Amino acid sequence: MLIAISDKGDLLAWQWCGRETTAAWTALLEQVPAPGVIVSDGGSGLPSALRACWPETKHQRCFFHLQMNTTRHLTRNPRTAAPPQAKRCANS
């Protein structure tokens, strides 16, 4: 299920879906007027739907999800120099 909420936490729209496809995101976005900016978890299909439905809307990745993805992909015991540096950057 895809959900659109306002900056105050009010439910704006929802869309049933099996996966986060461009078609599913498009169906959700068409129910809501275009905002100036959205924050999302970075799910697949959304960037294409945004370009098609709301080309002027800015897209911001959710910092929590960005940090969790960075930590997950870098692991707790990285073996090269780049991952520890990237992890410090993500956690700062």
PDB file of N, CA and C in Angstrom:
ATOM      1  N   MET A   1       0.846  -1.165   0.000  1.00  0.00           N
ATOM      2  CA  MET A   1       0.000   0.000   0.000  1.00  0.00           C
ATOM      3  C   MET A   1       0.895   1.232   0.000  1.00  0.00           C
ATOM      4  N   LEU A   2       0.561   2.178  -0.850  1.00  0.00           N
ATOM      5  CA  LEU A   2       1.240   3.467  -0.892  1.00  0.00           C
ATOM      6  C   LEU A   2       0.345   4.481  -0.199  1.00  0.00           C
ATOM      7  N   ILE A   3       0.948   5.364   0.575  1.00  0.00           N
ATOM      8  CA  ILE A   3       0.190   6.351   1.337  1.00  0.00           C
ATOM      9  C   ILE A   3       0.796   7.727   1.123  1.00  0.00           C
ATOM     10  N   ALA A   4      -0.056   8.722   0.923  1.00  0.00           N
ATOM     11  CA  ALA A   4       0.376  10.122   0.857  1.00  0.00           C
ATOM     12  C   ALA A   4      -0.178  10.827   2.084  1.00  0.00           C
ATOM     13  N   ILE A   5       0.716  11.471   2.850  1.00  0.00           N
ATOM     14  CA  ILE A   5       0.282  12.231   4.020  1.00  0.00           C
ATOM     15  C   ILE A   5       0.780  13.667   3.897  1.00  0.00           C
ATOM     16  N   SER A   6       0.088  14.559   4.579  1.00  0.00           N
ATOM     17  CA  SER A   6       0.473  15.970   4.560  1.00  0.00           C
ATOM     18  C   SER A   6       1.611  16.211   5.545  1.00  0.00           C
ATOM     19  N   ASP A   7       2.129  17.427   5.526  1.00  0.00           N
ATOM     20  CA  ASP A   7       3.180  17.778   6.482  1.00  0.00           C
ATOM     21  C   ASP A   7       2.656  17.817   7.917  1.00  0.00           C
ATOM     22  N   LYS A   8       1.339  17.797   8.081  1.00  0.00           N
ATOM     23  CA  LYS A   8       0.728  17.764   9.413  1.00  0.00           C
ATOM     24  C   LYS A   8       0.335  16.348   9.827  1.00  0.00           C
ATOM     25  N   GLY A   9       0.582  15.369   8.945  1.00  0.00           N
ATOM     26  CA  GLY A   9       0.270  13.978   9.247  1.00  0.00           C
ATOM     27  C   GLY A   9      -1.110  13.529   8.814  1.00  0.00           C
ATOM     28  N   ASP A  10      -1.834  14.368   8.087  1.00  0.00           N
ATOM     29  CA  ASP A  10      -3.172  14.007   7.610  1.00  0.00           C
ATOM     30  C   ASP A  10      -3.072  13.107   6.380  1.00  0.00           C
ATOM     31  N   LEU A  11      -3.933  12.087   6.316  1.00  0.00           N
ATOM     32  CA  LEU A  11      -3.985  11.197   5.160  1.00  0.00           C
ATOM     33  C   LEU A  11      -4.559  11.950   3.965  1.00  0.00           C
ATOM     34  N   LEU A  12      -3.803  11.969   2.871  1.00  0.00           N
ATOM     35  CA  LEU A  12      -4.257  12.634   1.652  1.00  0.00           C
ATOM     36  C   LEU A  12      -4.813  11.643   0.639  1.00  0.00           C
ATOM     37  N   ALA A  13      -4.158  10.486   0.511  1.00  0.00           N
ATOM     38  CA  ALA A  13      -4.584   9.476  -0.463  1.00  0.00           C
ATOM     39  C   ALA A  13      -3.864   8.170  -0.163  1.00  0.00           C
ATOM     40  N   TRP A  14      -4.406   7.087  -0.715  1.00  0.00           N
ATOM     41  CA  TRP A  14      -3.748   5.783  -0.590  1.00  0.00           C
ATOM     42  C   TRP A  14      -3.988   4.995  -1.864  1.00  0.00           C
ATOM     43  N   GLN A  15      -3.130   4.012  -2.105  1.00  0.00           N
ATOM     44  CA  GLN A  15      -3.227   3.195  -3.314  1.00  0.00           C
ATOM     45  C   GLN A  15      -2.767   1.778  -3.002  1.00  0.00           C
ATOM     46  N   TRP A  16      -3.632   0.790  -3.234  1.00  0.00           N
ATOM     47  CA  TRP A  16      -3.215  -0.606  -3.098  1.00  0.00           C
ATOM     48  C   TRP A  16      -2.227  -0.942  -4.201  1.00  0.00           C
ATOM     49  N   CYS A  17      -1.220  -1.736  -3.871  1.00  0.00           N
ATOM     50  CA  CYS A  17      -0.280  -2.195  -4.892  1.00  0.00           C
ATOM     51  C   CYS A  17       0.446  -3.429  -4.372  1.00  0.00           C
ATOM     52  N   GLY A  18       0.848  -4.284  -5.290  1.00  0.00           N
ATOM     53  CA  GLY A  18       1.642  -5.453  -4.927  1.00  0.00           C
ATOM     54  C   GLY A  18       3.109  -5.104  -4.797  1.00  0.00           C
ATOM     55  N   ARG A  19       3.525  -4.134  -5.629  1.00  0.00           N
ATOM     56  CA  ARG A  19       4.914  -3.659  -5.624  1.00  0.00           C
ATOM     57  C   ARG A  19       4.910  -2.163  -5.906  1.00  0.00           C
ATOM     58  N   GLU A  20       6.006  -1.506  -5.571  1.00  0.00           N
ATOM     59  CA  GLU A  20       6.123  -0.064  -5.797  1.00  0.00           C
ATOM     60  C   GLU A  20       6.521   0.219  -7.247  1.00  0.00           C
ATOM     61  N   THR A  21       5.585  -0.004  -8.154  1.00  0.00           N
ATOM     62  CA  THR A  21       5.844   0.221  -9.576  1.00  0.00           C
ATOM     63  C   THR A  21       5.556   1.675  -9.942  1.00  0.00           C
ATOM     64  N   THR A  22       6.038   2.078 -11.096  1.00  0.00           N
ATOM     65  CA  THR A  22       5.736   3.418 -11.595  1.00  0.00           C
ATOM     66  C   THR A  22       4.230   3.596 -11.757  1.00  0.00           C
ATOM     67  N   ALA A  23       3.539   2.570 -12.249  1.00  0.00           N
ATOM     68  CA  ALA A  23       2.082   2.653 -12.429  1.00  0.00           C
ATOM     69  C   ALA A  23       1.367   2.849 -11.095  1.00  0.00           C
ATOM     70  N   ALA A  24       1.793   2.141 -10.060  1.00  0.00           N
ATOM     71  CA  ALA A  24       1.167   2.282  -8.742  1.00  0.00           C
ATOM     72  C   ALA A  24       1.400   3.683  -8.181  1.00  0.00           C
ATOM     73  N   TRP A  25       2.633   4.170  -8.284  1.00  0.00           N
ATOM     74  CA  TRP A  25       2.938   5.519  -7.804  1.00  0.00           C
ATOM     75  C   TRP A  25       2.158   6.565  -8.602  1.00  0.00           C
ATOM     76  N   THR A  26       2.055   6.380  -9.900  1.00  0.00           N
ATOM     77  CA  THR A  26       1.309   7.320 -10.734  1.00  0.00           C
ATOM     78  C   THR A  26      -0.150   7.378 -10.293  1.00  0.00           C
ATOM     79  N   ALA A  27      -0.750   6.221 -10.021  1.00  0.00           N
ATOM     80  CA  ALA A  27      -2.142   6.178  -9.558  1.00  0.00           C
ATOM     81  C   ALA A  27      -2.312   6.949  -8.250  1.00  0.00           C
ATOM     82  N   LEU A  28      -1.338   6.872  -7.366  1.00  0.00           N
ATOM     83  CA  LEU A  28      -1.403   7.624  -6.105  1.00  0.00           C
ATOM     84  C   LEU A  28      -1.228   9.120  -6.358  1.00  0.00           C
ATOM     85  N   LEU A  29      -0.198   9.484  -7.106  1.00  0.00           N
ATOM     86  CA  LEU A  29       0.099  10.901  -7.330  1.00  0.00           C
ATOM     87  C   LEU A  29      -1.032  11.625  -8.039  1.00  0.00           C
ATOM     88  N   GLU A  30      -1.755  10.931  -8.906  1.00  0.00           N
ATOM     89  CA  GLU A  30      -2.862  11.559  -9.632  1.00  0.00           C
ATOM     90  C   GLU A  30      -4.037  11.909  -8.725  1.00  0.00           C
ATOM     91  N   GLN A  31      -4.056  11.401  -7.497  1.00  0.00           N
ATOM     92  CA  GLN A  31      -5.127  11.690  -6.543  1.00  0.00           C
ATOM     93  C   GLN A  31      -4.869  12.959  -5.729  1.00  0.00           C
ATOM     94  N   VAL A  32      -3.644  13.489  -5.822  1.00  0.00           N
ATOM     95  CA  VAL A  32      -3.219  14.571  -4.931  1.00  0.00           C
ATOM     96  C   VAL A  32      -2.646  15.732  -5.747  1.00  0.00           C
ATOM     97  N   PRO A  33      -2.973  16.980  -5.385  1.00  0.00           N
ATOM     98  CA  PRO A  33      -2.334  18.113  -6.065  1.00  0.00           C
ATOM     99  C   PRO A  33      -0.823  18.101  -5.819  1.00  0.00           C
ATOM    100  N   ALA A  34      -0.069  18.551  -6.782  1.00  0.00           N
ATOM    101  CA  ALA A  34       1.394  18.545  -6.675  1.00  0.00           C
ATOM    102  C   ALA A  34       1.873  19.494  -5.579  1.00  0.00           C
ATOM    103  N   PRO A  35       2.682  18.989  -4.655  1.00  0.00           N
ATOM    104  CA  PRO A  35       3.279  19.853  -3.632  1.00  0.00           C
ATOM    105  C   PRO A  35       4.598  20.434  -4.144  1.00  0.00           C
ATOM    106  N   GLY A  36       5.198  21.311  -3.374  1.00  0.00           N
ATOM    107  CA  GLY A  36       6.495  21.859  -3.747  1.00  0.00           C
ATOM    108  C   GLY A  36       7.618  20.864  -3.542  1.00  0.00           C
ATOM    109  N   VAL A  37       7.465  20.007  -2.522  1.00  0.00           N
ATOM    110  CA  VAL A  37       8.505  19.029  -2.195  1.00  0.00           C
ATOM    111  C   VAL A  37       7.854  17.802  -1.569  1.00  0.00           C
ATOM    112  N   ILE A  38       8.458  16.631  -1.787  1.00  0.00           N
ATOM    113  CA  ILE A  38       8.019  15.423  -1.096  1.00  0.00           C
ATOM    114  C   ILE A  38       9.230  14.768  -0.452  1.00  0.00           C
ATOM    115  N   VAL A  39       8.972  13.988   0.594  1.00  0.00           N
ATOM    116  CA  VAL A  39      10.001  13.194   1.258  1.00  0.00           C
ATOM    117  C   VAL A  39       9.561  11.748   1.150  1.00  0.00           C
ATOM    118  N   SER A  40      10.471  10.873   0.694  1.00  0.00           N
ATOM    119  CA  SER A  40      10.120   9.460   0.542  1.00  0.00           C
ATOM    120  C   SER A  40      11.263   8.574   1.001  1.00  0.00           C
ATOM    121  N   ASP A  41      10.957   7.278   1.099  1.00  0.00           N
ATOM    122  CA  ASP A  41      11.960   6.298   1.526  1.00  0.00           C
ATOM    123  C   ASP A  41      12.847   5.830   0.379  1.00  0.00           C
ATOM    124  N   GLY A  42      12.614   6.334  -0.813  1.00  0.00           N
ATOM    125  CA  GLY A  42      13.446   5.945  -1.951  1.00  0.00           C
ATOM    126  C   GLY A  42      12.976   4.695  -2.658  1.00  0.00           C
ATOM    127  N   GLY A  43      11.698   4.351  -2.467  1.00  0.00           N
ATOM    128  CA  GLY A  43      11.149   3.164  -3.107  1.00  0.00           C
ATOM    129  C   GLY A  43      11.208   3.243  -4.623  1.00  0.00           C
ATOM    130  N   SER A  44      11.276   2.092  -5.247  1.00  0.00           N
ATOM    131  CA  SER A  44      11.378   2.040  -6.707  1.00  0.00           C
ATOM    132  C   SER A  44      10.081   2.497  -7.360  1.00  0.00           C
ATOM    133  N   GLY A  45      10.187   2.999  -8.552  1.00  0.00           N
ATOM    134  CA  GLY A  45       9.030   3.445  -9.310  1.00  0.00           C
ATOM    135  C   GLY A  45       8.661   4.894  -9.078  1.00  0.00           C
ATOM    136  N   LEU A  46       8.972   5.429  -7.916  1.00  0.00           N
ATOM    137  CA  LEU A  46       8.574   6.798  -7.606  1.00  0.00           C
ATOM    138  C   LEU A  46       9.273   7.843  -8.471  1.00  0.00           C
ATOM    139  N   PRO A  47      10.581   7.779  -8.679  1.00  0.00           N
ATOM    140  CA  PRO A  47      11.216   8.827  -9.491  1.00  0.00           C
ATOM    141  C   PRO A  47      10.590   8.991 -10.883  1.00  0.00           C
ATOM    142  N   SER A  48      10.280   7.905 -11.555  1.00  0.00           N
ATOM    143  CA  SER A  48       9.652   7.989 -12.882  1.00  0.00           C
ATOM    144  C   SER A  48       8.255   8.586 -12.795  1.00  0.00           C
ATOM    145  N   ALA A  49       7.493   8.179 -11.784  1.00  0.00           N
ATOM    146  CA  ALA A  49       6.141   8.714 -11.608  1.00  0.00           C
ATOM    147  C   ALA A  49       6.189  10.205 -11.294  1.00  0.00           C
ATOM    148  N   LEU A  50       7.157  10.625 -10.494  1.00  0.00           N
ATOM    149  CA  LEU A  50       7.297  12.048 -10.180  1.00  0.00           C
ATOM    150  C   LEU A  50       7.590  12.867 -11.431  1.00  0.00           C
ATOM    151  N   ARG A  51       8.503  12.388 -12.254  1.00  0.00           N
ATOM    152  CA  ARG A  51       8.833  13.112 -13.487  1.00  0.00           C
ATOM    153  C   ARG A  51       7.611  13.238 -14.395  1.00  0.00           C
ATOM    154  N   ALA A  52       6.773  12.205 -14.430  1.00  0.00           N
ATOM    155  CA  ALA A  52       5.593  12.216 -15.298  1.00  0.00           C
ATOM    156  C   ALA A  52       4.448  13.056 -14.727  1.00  0.00           C
ATOM    157  N   CYS A  53       4.196  12.933 -13.424  1.00  0.00           N
ATOM    158  CA  CYS A  53       3.022  13.573 -12.815  1.00  0.00           C
ATOM    159  C   CYS A  53       3.303  14.947 -12.217  1.00  0.00           C
ATOM    160  N   TRP A  54       4.423  15.071 -11.547  1.00  0.00           N
ATOM    161  CA  TRP A  54       4.765  16.303 -10.836  1.00  0.00           C
ATOM    162  C   TRP A  54       6.173  16.744 -11.217  1.00  0.00           C
ATOM    163  N   PRO A  55       6.409  17.157 -12.433  1.00  0.00           N
ATOM    164  CA  PRO A  55       7.776  17.462 -12.872  1.00  0.00           C
ATOM    165  C   PRO A  55       8.445  18.607 -12.118  1.00  0.00           C
ATOM    166  N   GLU A  56       7.678  19.501 -11.521  1.00  0.00           N
ATOM    167  CA  GLU A  56       8.259  20.642 -10.795  1.00  0.00           C
ATOM    168  C   GLU A  56       8.507  20.344  -9.320  1.00  0.00           C
ATOM    169  N   THR A  57       7.989  19.236  -8.807  1.00  0.00           N
ATOM    170  CA  THR A  57       8.125  18.898  -7.391  1.00  0.00           C
ATOM    171  C   THR A  57       9.532  18.410  -7.081  1.00  0.00           C
ATOM    172  N   LYS A  58      10.108  18.945  -6.012  1.00  0.00           N
ATOM    173  CA  LYS A  58      11.428  18.508  -5.549  1.00  0.00           C
ATOM    174  C   LYS A  58      11.261  17.225  -4.741  1.00  0.00           C
ATOM    175  N   HIS A  59      12.241  16.319  -4.838  1.00  0.00           N
ATOM    176  CA  HIS A  59      12.183  15.020  -4.156  1.00  0.00           C
ATOM    177  C   HIS A  59      13.334  14.916  -3.167  1.00  0.00           C
ATOM    178  N   GLN A  60      13.013  14.727  -1.901  1.00  0.00           N
ATOM    179  CA  GLN A  60      14.006  14.578  -0.837  1.00  0.00           C
ATOM    180  C   GLN A  60      13.914  13.170  -0.272  1.00  0.00           C
ATOM    181  N   ARG A  61      15.042  12.479  -0.195  1.00  0.00           N
ATOM    182  CA  ARG A  61      15.059  11.163   0.447  1.00  0.00           C
ATOM    183  C   ARG A  61      14.966  11.342   1.956  1.00  0.00           C
ATOM    184  N   CYS A  62      14.227  10.481   2.615  1.00  0.00           N
ATOM    185  CA  CYS A  62      14.099  10.476   4.067  1.00  0.00           C
ATOM    186  C   CYS A  62      15.468  10.182   4.675  1.00  0.00           C
ATOM    187  N   PHE A  63      15.936  11.042   5.577  1.00  0.00           N
ATOM    188  CA  PHE A  63      17.264  10.877   6.161  1.00  0.00           C
ATOM    189  C   PHE A  63      17.370   9.563   6.928  1.00  0.00           C
ATOM    190  N   PHE A  64      16.326   9.183   7.665  1.00  0.00           N
ATOM    191  CA  PHE A  64      16.357   7.929   8.425  1.00  0.00           C
ATOM    192  C   PHE A  64      16.585   6.747   7.494  1.00  0.00           C
ATOM    193  N   HIS A  65      15.823   6.673   6.398  1.00  0.00           N
ATOM    194  CA  HIS A  65      15.973   5.554   5.463  1.00  0.00           C
ATOM    195  C   HIS A  65      17.327   5.592   4.764  1.00  0.00           C
ATOM    196  N   LEU A  66      17.802   6.768   4.430  1.00  0.00           N
ATOM    197  CA  LEU A  66      19.116   6.900   3.807  1.00  0.00           C
ATOM    198  C   LEU A  66      20.204   6.387   4.743  1.00  0.00           C
ATOM    199  N   GLN A  67      20.125   6.769   6.015  1.00  0.00           N
ATOM    200  CA  GLN A  67      21.109   6.324   7.002  1.00  0.00           C
ATOM    201  C   GLN A  67      21.023   4.811   7.226  1.00  0.00           C
ATOM    202  N   MET A  68      19.825   4.266   7.302  1.00  0.00           N
ATOM    203  CA  MET A  68      19.666   2.821   7.502  1.00  0.00           C
ATOM    204  C   MET A  68      20.215   2.042   6.305  1.00  0.00           C
ATOM    205  N   ASN A  69      19.948   2.506   5.097  1.00  0.00           N
ATOM    206  CA  ASN A  69      20.467   1.832   3.902  1.00  0.00           C
ATOM    207  C   ASN A  69      21.982   1.899   3.852  1.00  0.00           C
ATOM    208  N   THR A  70      22.545   3.040   4.211  1.00  0.00           N
ATOM    209  CA  THR A  70      24.002   3.179   4.223  1.00  0.00           C
ATOM    210  C   THR A  70      24.619   2.208   5.215  1.00  0.00           C
ATOM    211  N   THR A  71      24.085   2.153   6.415  1.00  0.00           N
ATOM    212  CA  THR A  71      24.605   1.248   7.442  1.00  0.00           C
ATOM    213  C   THR A  71      24.476  -0.205   7.002  1.00  0.00           C
ATOM    214  N   ARG A  72      23.336  -0.566   6.434  1.00  0.00           N
ATOM    215  CA  ARG A  72      23.116  -1.942   6.000  1.00  0.00           C
ATOM    216  C   ARG A  72      24.115  -2.346   4.921  1.00  0.00           C
ATOM    217  N   HIS A  73      24.367  -1.459   3.972  1.00  0.00           N
ATOM    218  CA  HIS A  73      25.259  -1.804   2.864  1.00  0.00           C
ATOM    219  C   HIS A  73      26.736  -1.739   3.231  1.00  0.00           C
ATOM    220  N   LEU A  74      27.077  -0.974   4.256  1.00  0.00           N
ATOM    221  CA  LEU A  74      28.485  -0.859   4.640  1.00  0.00           C
ATOM    222  C   LEU A  74      28.892  -1.898   5.678  1.00  0.00           C
ATOM    223  N   THR A  75      27.950  -2.536   6.307  1.00  0.00           N
ATOM    224  CA  THR A  75      28.152  -3.533   7.360  1.00  0.00           C
ATOM    225  C   THR A  75      28.800  -2.921   8.590  1.00  0.00           C
ATOM    226  N   ARG A  76      28.857  -3.681   9.630  1.00  0.00           N
ATOM    227  CA  ARG A  76      29.453  -3.206  10.884  1.00  0.00           C
ATOM    228  C   ARG A  76      30.971  -3.364  10.888  1.00  0.00           C
ATOM    229  N   ASN A  77      31.509  -4.243  10.073  1.00  0.00           N
ATOM    230  CA  ASN A  77      32.950  -4.501  10.027  1.00  0.00           C
ATOM    231  C   ASN A  77      33.479  -4.386   8.600  1.00  0.00           C
ATOM    232  N   PRO A  78      33.476  -3.180   8.032  1.00  0.00           N
ATOM    233  CA  PRO A  78      33.940  -3.031   6.655  1.00  0.00           C
ATOM    234  C   PRO A  78      35.415  -3.390   6.514  1.00  0.00           C
ATOM    235  N   ARG A  79      35.792  -3.904   5.343  1.00  0.00           N
ATOM    236  CA  ARG A  79      37.147  -4.406   5.114  1.00  0.00           C
ATOM    237  C   ARG A  79      38.026  -3.454   4.309  1.00  0.00           C
ATOM    238  N   THR A  80      37.472  -2.387   3.791  1.00  0.00           N
ATOM    239  CA  THR A  80      38.271  -1.440   3.016  1.00  0.00           C
ATOM    240  C   THR A  80      38.179  -0.058   3.649  1.00  0.00           C
ATOM    241  N   ALA A  81      39.000   0.866   3.184  1.00  0.00           N
ATOM    242  CA  ALA A  81      39.028   2.209   3.771  1.00  0.00           C
ATOM    243  C   ALA A  81      37.782   3.019   3.429  1.00  0.00           C
ATOM    244  N   ALA A  82      37.231   2.835   2.247  1.00  0.00           N
ATOM    245  CA  ALA A  82      36.099   3.667   1.826  1.00  0.00           C
ATOM    246  C   ALA A  82      34.850   3.479   2.692  1.00  0.00           C
ATOM    247  N   PRO A  83      34.417   2.252   3.007  1.00  0.00           N
ATOM    248  CA  PRO A  83      33.201   2.116   3.811  1.00  0.00           C
ATOM    249  C   PRO A  83      33.256   2.801   5.176  1.00  0.00           C
ATOM    250  N   PRO A  84      34.358   2.704   5.968  1.00  0.00           N
ATOM    251  CA  PRO A  84      34.352   3.422   7.248  1.00  0.00           C
ATOM    252  C   PRO A  84      34.207   4.934   7.064  1.00  0.00           C
ATOM    253  N   GLN A  85      34.834   5.480   6.034  1.00  0.00           N
ATOM    254  CA  GLN A  85      34.719   6.915   5.780  1.00  0.00           C
ATOM    255  C   GLN A  85      33.285   7.272   5.395  1.00  0.00           C
ATOM    256  N   ALA A  86      32.679   6.465   4.559  1.00  0.00           N
ATOM    257  CA  ALA A  86      31.294   6.712   4.150  1.00  0.00           C
ATOM    258  C   ALA A  86      30.352   6.566   5.337  1.00  0.00           C
ATOM    259  N   LYS A  87      30.615   5.598   6.209  1.00  0.00           N
ATOM    260  CA  LYS A  87      29.768   5.395   7.381  1.00  0.00           C
ATOM    261  C   LYS A  87      29.862   6.596   8.320  1.00  0.00           C
ATOM    262  N   ARG A  88      31.071   7.119   8.525  1.00  0.00           N
ATOM    263  CA  ARG A  88      31.232   8.311   9.366  1.00  0.00           C
ATOM    264  C   ARG A  88      30.465   9.486   8.768  1.00  0.00           C
ATOM    265  N   CYS A  89      30.523   9.630   7.473  1.00  0.00           N
ATOM    266  CA  CYS A  89      29.807  10.705   6.788  1.00  0.00           C
ATOM    267  C   CYS A  89      28.297  10.546   6.978  1.00  0.00           C
ATOM    268  N   ALA A  90      27.788   9.333   6.827  1.00  0.00           N
ATOM    269  CA  ALA A  90      26.350   9.069   6.966  1.00  0.00           C
ATOM    270  C   ALA A  90      25.882   9.302   8.389  1.00  0.00           C
ATOM    271  N   ASN A  91      26.734   9.038   9.371  1.00  0.00           N
ATOM    272  CA  ASN A  91      26.349   9.173  10.773  1.00  0.00           C
ATOM    273  C   ASN A  91      26.598  10.567  11.331  1.00  0.00           C
ATOM    274  N   SER A  92      27.203  11.451  10.544  1.00  0.00           N
ATOM    275  CA  SER A  92      27.486  12.798  11.062  1.00  0.00           C
ATOM    276  C   SER A  92      26.312  13.730  10.881  1.00  0.00           C
TER     277      SER A  92
END
